Amino acid sequence: MKNLFKFGFLALAITLSAAACNSTKTDSSTADSIDSNASASIDSIDSSATAKTDTIDSAADATVDSVK
C-alpha cells in the first residue's frame, strides 16, 4: 500500500514537471500532456497492483493446496 502512494506521488511529480517544462506550448496542449501522463501513471499503478494481487492469490492457492 505504501508503494501505491509512492508511485502516485511520483506520477504527480512527473506530471507537474512535464507541465512546467512545456511552458511554450498552448494551454490545451499542456492539459493534454498532463492528461496523458496521468493516464499512463494510473495504468502503471493499476498493472502493478494487479500483478501483486495475482501473486498473493497464487500464494494463497498454493498454501490451500499444500494443506489438503
Protein backbone atom coordinates (compact mmCIF):
# COMPACT_ATOMS: atom_id res chain seq x y z
CA MET A 1 0.00 0.00 0.00
CA LYS A 2 2.89 2.33 0.76
CA ASN A 3 4.27 1.70 -2.72
CA LEU A 4 1.00 2.77 -4.31
CA PHE A 5 1.24 6.10 -2.51
CA LYS A 6 4.87 6.45 -3.55
CA PHE A 7 4.03 5.72 -7.19
CA GLY A 8 1.07 8.08 -7.07
CA PHE A 9 3.20 10.88 -5.68
CA LEU A 10 5.92 10.15 -8.22
CA ALA A 11 3.37 10.23 -11.04
CA LEU A 12 2.07 13.58 -9.81
CA ALA A 13 5.60 14.99 -9.59
CA ILE A 14 6.45 13.81 -13.11
CA THR A 15 3.21 15.22 -14.46
CA LEU A 16 3.80 18.60 -12.86
CA SER A 17 7.41 18.74 -14.03
CA ALA A 18 6.37 17.82 -17.58
CA ALA A 19 3.77 20.58 -17.49
CA ALA A 20 6.34 23.08 -16.21
CA CYS A 21 8.90 22.14 -18.88
CA ASN A 22 6.41 22.61 -21.69
CA SER A 23 5.68 26.26 -20.89
CA THR A 24 5.99 27.38 -24.54
CA LYS A 25 3.02 25.27 -25.61
CA THR A 26 -0.57 26.43 -25.52
CA ASP A 27 -2.86 25.70 -22.60
CA SER A 28 -4.73 22.93 -24.38
CA SER A 29 -1.56 21.04 -25.27
CA THR A 30 -0.36 21.34 -21.67
CA ALA A 31 -3.67 19.95 -20.44
CA ASP A 32 -3.42 17.12 -22.97
CA SER A 33 0.12 16.38 -21.79
CA ILE A 34 -0.99 16.29 -18.18
CA ASP A 35 -3.92 14.03 -19.03
CA SER A 36 -1.77 11.60 -21.00
CA ASN A 37 0.90 11.48 -18.28
CA ALA A 38 -1.73 10.94 -15.61
CA SER A 39 -3.36 8.17 -17.63
CA ALA A 40 -0.02 6.45 -18.17
CA SER A 41 0.76 6.69 -14.46
CA ILE A 42 -2.63 5.30 -13.48
CA ASP A 43 -2.22 2.41 -15.93
CA SER A 44 1.22 1.66 -14.47
CA ILE A 45 -0.09 1.70 -10.91
CA ASP A 46 -3.07 -0.48 -11.86
CA SER A 47 -0.89 -3.06 -13.57
CA SER A 48 1.47 -3.13 -10.60
CA ALA A 49 -1.42 -3.61 -8.18
CA THR A 50 -2.92 -6.33 -10.37
CA ALA A 51 0.39 -8.18 -10.54
CA LYS A 52 0.77 -8.05 -6.77
CA THR A 53 -2.81 -9.22 -6.27
CA ASP A 54 -2.23 -12.13 -8.65
CA THR A 55 0.94 -13.06 -6.77
CA ILE A 56 -0.89 -13.03 -3.44
CA ASP A 57 -3.76 -15.06 -4.88
CA SER A 58 -1.45 -17.70 -6.30
CA ALA A 59 0.44 -17.92 -3.00
CA ALA A 60 -2.85 -18.36 -1.15
CA ASP A 61 -3.94 -21.07 -3.58
CA ALA A 62 -0.63 -22.86 -3.14
CA THR A 63 -1.00 -22.72 0.63
CA VAL A 64 -4.51 -24.17 0.45
CA ASP A 65 -3.32 -26.93 -1.90
CA SER A 66 -0.43 -27.84 0.40
CA VAL A 67 -2.78 -28.14 3.39
CA LYS A 68 -5.05 -30.59 1.57
